[in-house]
């Protein structure tokens, strides 16, 4: 009899844990933590996204390192969750290094000092390495429930740019 009670208790506990992990908020938290933890799939997407960029091999490596630093410094706070049947929207506030400002500043300087700068990409990457200022963005992530499981809908380019600090 004790074994039956223990097994039933364990099943109830595991079912309850599974349900608490299957919420729109938990799915978004998991998505963002994959960036913070440098999940291999995230890094694979990163590498393929910069393949077309006009960077040398060493510049590409430096840029990947800068974005990995960005991911690890990403902080977030879930601010709202709205569920409507099998659809949900989770709003979050993220804070990332402000690479946008540094890139704009690098371009502006380069335009008036081209003769001083041998390689714009190298100049820009060196400036990105110095960035310490952070910026906050609001993001909204859409989710849909399929067969009882919440799944993120396709993440749009704007959200990725915000995660990269390039919006």
C-alpha atoms as a PDB file:
ATOM      1  CA  UNK A   1       0.000   0.000   0.000  1.00  0.00           C
ATOM      2  CA  UNK A   2       2.859   2.400   0.829  1.00  0.00           C
ATOM      3  CA  UNK A   3       4.428   1.714  -2.571  1.00  0.00           C
ATOM      4  CA  UNK A   4       1.194   2.607  -4.363  1.00  0.00           C
ATOM      5  CA  UNK A   5       0.871   5.858  -2.425  1.00  0.00           C
ATOM      6  CA  UNK A   6       4.509   6.753  -3.111  1.00  0.00           C
ATOM      7  CA  UNK A   7       4.147   6.005  -6.832  1.00  0.00           C
ATOM      8  CA  UNK A   8       0.914   8.000  -7.080  1.00  0.00           C
ATOM      9  CA  UNK A   9       2.482  10.893  -5.187  1.00  0.00           C
ATOM     10  CA  UNK A  10       5.483  10.818  -7.495  1.00  0.00           C
ATOM     11  CA  UNK A  11       3.265  10.809 -10.598  1.00  0.00           C
ATOM     12  CA  UNK A  12       1.220  13.723  -9.289  1.00  0.00           C
ATOM     13  CA  UNK A  13       4.410  15.625  -8.443  1.00  0.00           C
ATOM     14  CA  UNK A  14       5.970  15.005 -11.861  1.00  0.00           C
ATOM     15  CA  UNK A  15       2.775  15.955 -13.676  1.00  0.00           C
ATOM     16  CA  UNK A  16       2.570  19.161 -11.657  1.00  0.00           C
ATOM     17  CA  UNK A  17       6.204  20.032 -12.428  1.00  0.00           C
ATOM     18  CA  UNK A  18       5.661  19.374 -16.112  1.00  0.00           C
ATOM     19  CA  UNK A  19       2.703  21.753 -16.185  1.00  0.00           C
ATOM     20  CA  UNK A  20       4.615  24.537 -14.422  1.00  0.00           C
ATOM     21  CA  UNK A  21       7.343  24.305 -17.061  1.00  0.00           C
ATOM     22  CA  UNK A  22       4.793  24.390 -19.883  1.00  0.00           C
ATOM     23  CA  UNK A  23       3.652  27.996 -19.610  1.00  0.00           C
ATOM     24  CA  UNK A  24       4.209  30.816 -22.085  1.00  0.00           C
ATOM     25  CA  UNK A  25       6.379  32.686 -19.572  1.00  0.00           C
ATOM     26  CA  UNK A  26       8.571  29.630 -18.877  1.00  0.00           C
ATOM     27  CA  UNK A  27       9.010  29.036 -22.612  1.00  0.00           C
ATOM     28  CA  UNK A  28      10.179  32.640 -23.127  1.00  0.00           C
ATOM     29  CA  UNK A  29      12.474  32.422 -20.098  1.00  0.00           C
ATOM     30  CA  UNK A  30      13.944  29.237 -21.561  1.00  0.00           C
ATOM     31  CA  UNK A  31      14.395  30.944 -24.947  1.00  0.00           C
ATOM     32  CA  UNK A  32      16.283  33.870 -23.404  1.00  0.00           C
ATOM     33  CA  UNK A  33      18.354  31.658 -21.105  1.00  0.00           C
ATOM     34  CA  UNK A  34      19.518  29.701 -24.168  1.00  0.00           C
ATOM     35  CA  UNK A  35      21.200  32.922 -25.288  1.00  0.00           C
ATOM     36  CA  UNK A  36      22.683  33.594 -21.860  1.00  0.00           C
ATOM     37  CA  UNK A  37      24.055  30.039 -21.670  1.00  0.00           C
ATOM     38  CA  UNK A  38      25.424  30.038 -25.240  1.00  0.00           C
ATOM     39  CA  UNK A  39      23.274  27.111 -26.310  1.00  0.00           C
ATOM     40  CA  UNK A  40      24.869  25.317 -29.307  1.00  0.00           C
ATOM     41  CA  UNK A  41      21.777  25.936 -31.482  1.00  0.00           C
ATOM     42  CA  UNK A  42      21.937  29.657 -30.709  1.00  0.00           C
ATOM     43  CA  UNK A  43      25.621  29.739 -31.647  1.00  0.00           C
ATOM     44  CA  UNK A  44      24.919  27.793 -34.842  1.00  0.00           C
ATOM     45  CA  UNK A  45      22.265  30.364 -35.855  1.00  0.00           C
ATOM     46  CA  UNK A  46      24.696  33.168 -34.992  1.00  0.00           C
ATOM     47  CA  UNK A  47      27.446  31.753 -37.187  1.00  0.00           C
ATOM     48  CA  UNK A  48      25.130  31.233 -40.138  1.00  0.00           C
ATOM     49  CA  UNK A  49      23.690  34.740 -39.763  1.00  0.00           C
ATOM     50  CA  UNK A  50      27.075  36.423 -40.203  1.00  0.00           C
ATOM     51  CA  UNK A  51      28.418  34.202 -42.987  1.00  0.00           C
ATOM     52  CA  UNK A  52      27.368  36.717 -45.630  1.00  0.00           C
ATOM     53  CA  UNK A  53      28.944  39.662 -43.823  1.00  0.00           C
ATOM     54  CA  UNK A  54      32.007  41.138 -45.483  1.00  0.00           C
ATOM     55  CA  UNK A  55      34.398  40.137 -42.708  1.00  0.00           C
ATOM     56  CA  UNK A  56      37.723  38.358 -42.745  1.00  0.00           C
ATOM     57  CA  UNK A  57      38.014  35.088 -40.845  1.00  0.00           C
ATOM     58  CA  UNK A  58      39.643  36.789 -37.843  1.00  0.00           C
ATOM     59  CA  UNK A  59      37.051  39.600 -37.887  1.00  0.00           C
ATOM     60  CA  UNK A  60      34.237  37.062 -38.012  1.00  0.00           C
ATOM     61  CA  UNK A  61      35.747  35.304 -34.996  1.00  0.00           C
ATOM     62  CA  UNK A  62      36.027  38.611 -33.121  1.00  0.00           C
ATOM     63  CA  UNK A  63      32.429  39.538 -34.015  1.00  0.00           C
ATOM     64  CA  UNK A  64      31.138  36.160 -32.821  1.00  0.00           C
ATOM     65  CA  UNK A  65      33.042  36.688 -29.567  1.00  0.00           C
ATOM     66  CA  UNK A  66      31.434  40.106 -29.142  1.00  0.00           C
ATOM     67  CA  UNK A  67      27.950  38.687 -29.668  1.00  0.00           C
ATOM     68  CA  UNK A  68      28.670  35.818 -27.274  1.00  0.00           C
ATOM     69  CA  UNK A  69      29.652  38.473 -24.723  1.00  0.00           C
ATOM     70  CA  UNK A  70      26.385  40.225 -25.538  1.00  0.00           C
ATOM     71  CA  UNK A  71      24.397  37.043 -24.917  1.00  0.00           C
ATOM     72  CA  UNK A  72      26.112  36.356 -21.608  1.00  0.00           C
ATOM     73  CA  UNK A  73      25.437  39.923 -20.433  1.00  0.00           C
ATOM     74  CA  UNK A  74      21.780  39.801 -21.479  1.00  0.00           C
ATOM     75  CA  UNK A  75      19.400  40.368 -18.606  1.00  0.00           C
ATOM     76  CA  UNK A  76      15.640  40.241 -18.787  1.00  0.00           C
ATOM     77  CA  UNK A  77      12.463  40.665 -16.832  1.00  0.00           C
ATOM     78  CA  UNK A  78       9.093  39.255 -17.860  1.00  0.00           C
ATOM     79  CA  UNK A  79       6.595  42.088 -17.530  1.00  0.00           C
ATOM     80  CA  UNK A  80       3.343  40.608 -18.849  1.00  0.00           C
ATOM     81  CA  UNK A  81       1.690  37.477 -20.138  1.00  0.00           C
ATOM     82  CA  UNK A  82      -1.607  37.457 -22.000  1.00  0.00           C
ATOM     83  CA  UNK A  83      -3.191  34.104 -22.822  1.00  0.00           C
ATOM     84  CA  UNK A  84      -6.146  33.841 -25.173  1.00  0.00           C
ATOM     85  CA  UNK A  85      -7.141  30.191 -25.705  1.00  0.00           C
ATOM     86  CA  UNK A  86      -4.229  28.593 -27.586  1.00  0.00           C
ATOM     87  CA  UNK A  87      -2.390  31.861 -28.246  1.00  0.00           C
ATOM     88  CA  UNK A  88      -0.257  33.921 -25.921  1.00  0.00           C
ATOM     89  CA  UNK A  89       1.945  36.983 -25.925  1.00  0.00           C
ATOM     90  CA  UNK A  90       4.729  37.402 -23.400  1.00  0.00           C
ATOM     91  CA  UNK A  91       6.224  40.847 -22.973  1.00  0.00           C
ATOM     92  CA  UNK A  92       9.721  41.176 -21.602  1.00  0.00           C
ATOM     93  CA  UNK A  93      12.171  43.940 -20.956  1.00  0.00           C
ATOM     94  CA  UNK A  94      15.711  43.064 -21.941  1.00  0.00           C
ATOM     95  CA  UNK A  95      18.920  44.907 -21.215  1.00  0.00           C
ATOM     96  CA  UNK A  96      21.913  44.493 -23.514  1.00  0.00           C
ATOM     97  CA  UNK A  97      25.144  46.239 -24.441  1.00  0.00           C
ATOM     98  CA  UNK A  98      24.398  49.205 -26.708  1.00  0.00           C
ATOM     99  CA  UNK A  99      26.256  48.175 -29.849  1.00  0.00           C
ATOM    100  CA  UNK A 100      23.986  50.331 -32.027  1.00  0.00           C
ATOM    101  CA  UNK A 101      25.382  53.585 -30.698  1.00  0.00           C
ATOM    102  CA  UNK A 102      28.974  52.411 -31.139  1.00  0.00           C
ATOM    103  CA  UNK A 103      28.370  51.327 -34.743  1.00  0.00           C
ATOM    104  CA  UNK A 104      26.678  54.633 -35.601  1.00  0.00           C
ATOM    105  CA  UNK A 105      29.527  56.528 -33.981  1.00  0.00           C
ATOM    106  CA  UNK A 106      32.102  54.426 -35.862  1.00  0.00           C
ATOM    107  CA  UNK A 107      30.365  55.102 -39.197  1.00  0.00           C
ATOM    108  CA  UNK A 108      30.153  58.823 -38.511  1.00  0.00           C
ATOM    109  CA  UNK A 109      33.836  59.041 -37.603  1.00  0.00           C
ATOM    110  CA  UNK A 110      34.855  56.873 -40.563  1.00  0.00           C
ATOM    111  CA  UNK A 111      33.001  59.099 -43.043  1.00  0.00           C
ATOM    112  CA  UNK A 112      35.114  62.101 -42.068  1.00  0.00           C
ATOM    113  CA  UNK A 113      38.394  60.265 -41.418  1.00  0.00           C
ATOM    114  CA  UNK A 114      38.607  57.607 -44.140  1.00  0.00           C
ATOM    115  CA  UNK A 115      42.244  58.399 -44.822  1.00  0.00           C
ATOM    116  CA  UNK A 116      43.161  57.513 -41.221  1.00  0.00           C
ATOM    117  CA  UNK A 117      41.336  54.180 -41.094  1.00  0.00           C
ATOM    118  CA  UNK A 118      42.711  51.317 -43.117  1.00  0.00           C
ATOM    119  CA  UNK A 119      39.896  48.834 -42.461  1.00  0.00           C
ATOM    120  CA  UNK A 120      36.467  50.043 -41.342  1.00  0.00           C
ATOM    121  CA  UNK A 121      35.353  46.618 -40.087  1.00  0.00           C
ATOM    122  CA  UNK A 122      38.413  46.290 -37.872  1.00  0.00           C
ATOM    123  CA  UNK A 123      37.923  49.839 -36.585  1.00  0.00           C
ATOM    124  CA  UNK A 124      34.237  49.168 -35.815  1.00  0.00           C
ATOM    125  CA  UNK A 125      34.954  45.840 -34.074  1.00  0.00           C
ATOM    126  CA  UNK A 126      37.636  47.476 -31.927  1.00  0.00           C
ATOM    127  CA  UNK A 127      35.091  50.099 -30.880  1.00  0.00           C
ATOM    128  CA  UNK A 128      32.501  47.423 -30.080  1.00  0.00           C
ATOM    129  CA  UNK A 129      35.006  45.774 -27.738  1.00  0.00           C
ATOM    130  CA  UNK A 130      35.010  48.957 -25.647  1.00  0.00           C
ATOM    131  CA  UNK A 131      31.223  49.191 -25.208  1.00  0.00           C
ATOM    132  CA  UNK A 132      30.064  49.181 -21.610  1.00  0.00           C
ATOM    133  CA  UNK A 133      26.821  51.179 -21.878  1.00  0.00           C
ATOM    134  CA  UNK A 134      23.617  49.194 -21.864  1.00  0.00           C
ATOM    135  CA  UNK A 135      20.218  49.809 -23.380  1.00  0.00           C
ATOM    136  CA  UNK A 136      16.788  48.454 -22.512  1.00  0.00           C
ATOM    137  CA  UNK A 137      14.325  47.181 -25.075  1.00  0.00           C
ATOM    138  CA  UNK A 138      10.814  45.845 -24.803  1.00  0.00           C
ATOM    139  CA  UNK A 139      10.110  42.676 -26.746  1.00  0.00           C
ATOM    140  CA  UNK A 140       6.880  40.759 -27.306  1.00  0.00           C
ATOM    141  CA  UNK A 141       7.019  37.085 -28.140  1.00  0.00           C
ATOM    142  CA  UNK A 142       4.044  35.238 -29.594  1.00  0.00           C
ATOM    143  CA  UNK A 143       3.355  31.638 -28.657  1.00  0.00           C
ATOM    144  CA  UNK A 144       0.864  29.010 -29.779  1.00  0.00           C
ATOM    145  CA  UNK A 145      -0.262  25.900 -27.942  1.00  0.00           C
ATOM    146  CA  UNK A 146       0.015  22.696 -30.007  1.00  0.00           C
ATOM    147  CA  UNK A 147      -1.179  19.411 -28.529  1.00  0.00           C
ATOM    148  CA  UNK A 148      -1.070  20.931 -25.030  1.00  0.00           C
ATOM    149  CA  UNK A 149       2.483  22.333 -25.379  1.00  0.00           C
ATOM    150  CA  UNK A 150       3.341  26.001 -25.699  1.00  0.00           C
ATOM    151  CA  UNK A 151       5.711  26.787 -28.566  1.00  0.00           C
ATOM    152  CA  UNK A 152       7.284  30.044 -29.607  1.00  0.00           C
ATOM    153  CA  UNK A 153       6.149  31.339 -32.964  1.00  0.00           C
ATOM    154  CA  UNK A 154       8.811  32.476 -35.399  1.00  0.00           C
ATOM    155  CA  UNK A 155      10.965  35.129 -33.761  1.00  0.00           C
ATOM    156  CA  UNK A 156      11.077  38.206 -35.954  1.00  0.00           C
ATOM    157  CA  UNK A 157      14.241  39.963 -37.021  1.00  0.00           C
ATOM    158  CA  UNK A 158      13.568  42.986 -34.794  1.00  0.00           C
ATOM    159  CA  UNK A 159      13.678  40.859 -31.638  1.00  0.00           C
ATOM    160  CA  UNK A 160      16.977  39.289 -32.712  1.00  0.00           C
ATOM    161  CA  UNK A 161      18.411  42.742 -33.457  1.00  0.00           C
ATOM    162  CA  UNK A 162      17.378  43.877 -29.983  1.00  0.00           C
ATOM    163  CA  UNK A 163      19.005  40.805 -28.396  1.00  0.00           C
ATOM    164  CA  UNK A 164      22.164  41.650 -30.352  1.00  0.00           C
ATOM    165  CA  UNK A 165      22.006  45.281 -29.204  1.00  0.00           C
ATOM    166  CA  UNK A 166      21.816  46.343 -32.850  1.00  0.00           C
ATOM    167  CA  UNK A 167      18.329  47.797 -33.089  1.00  0.00           C
END
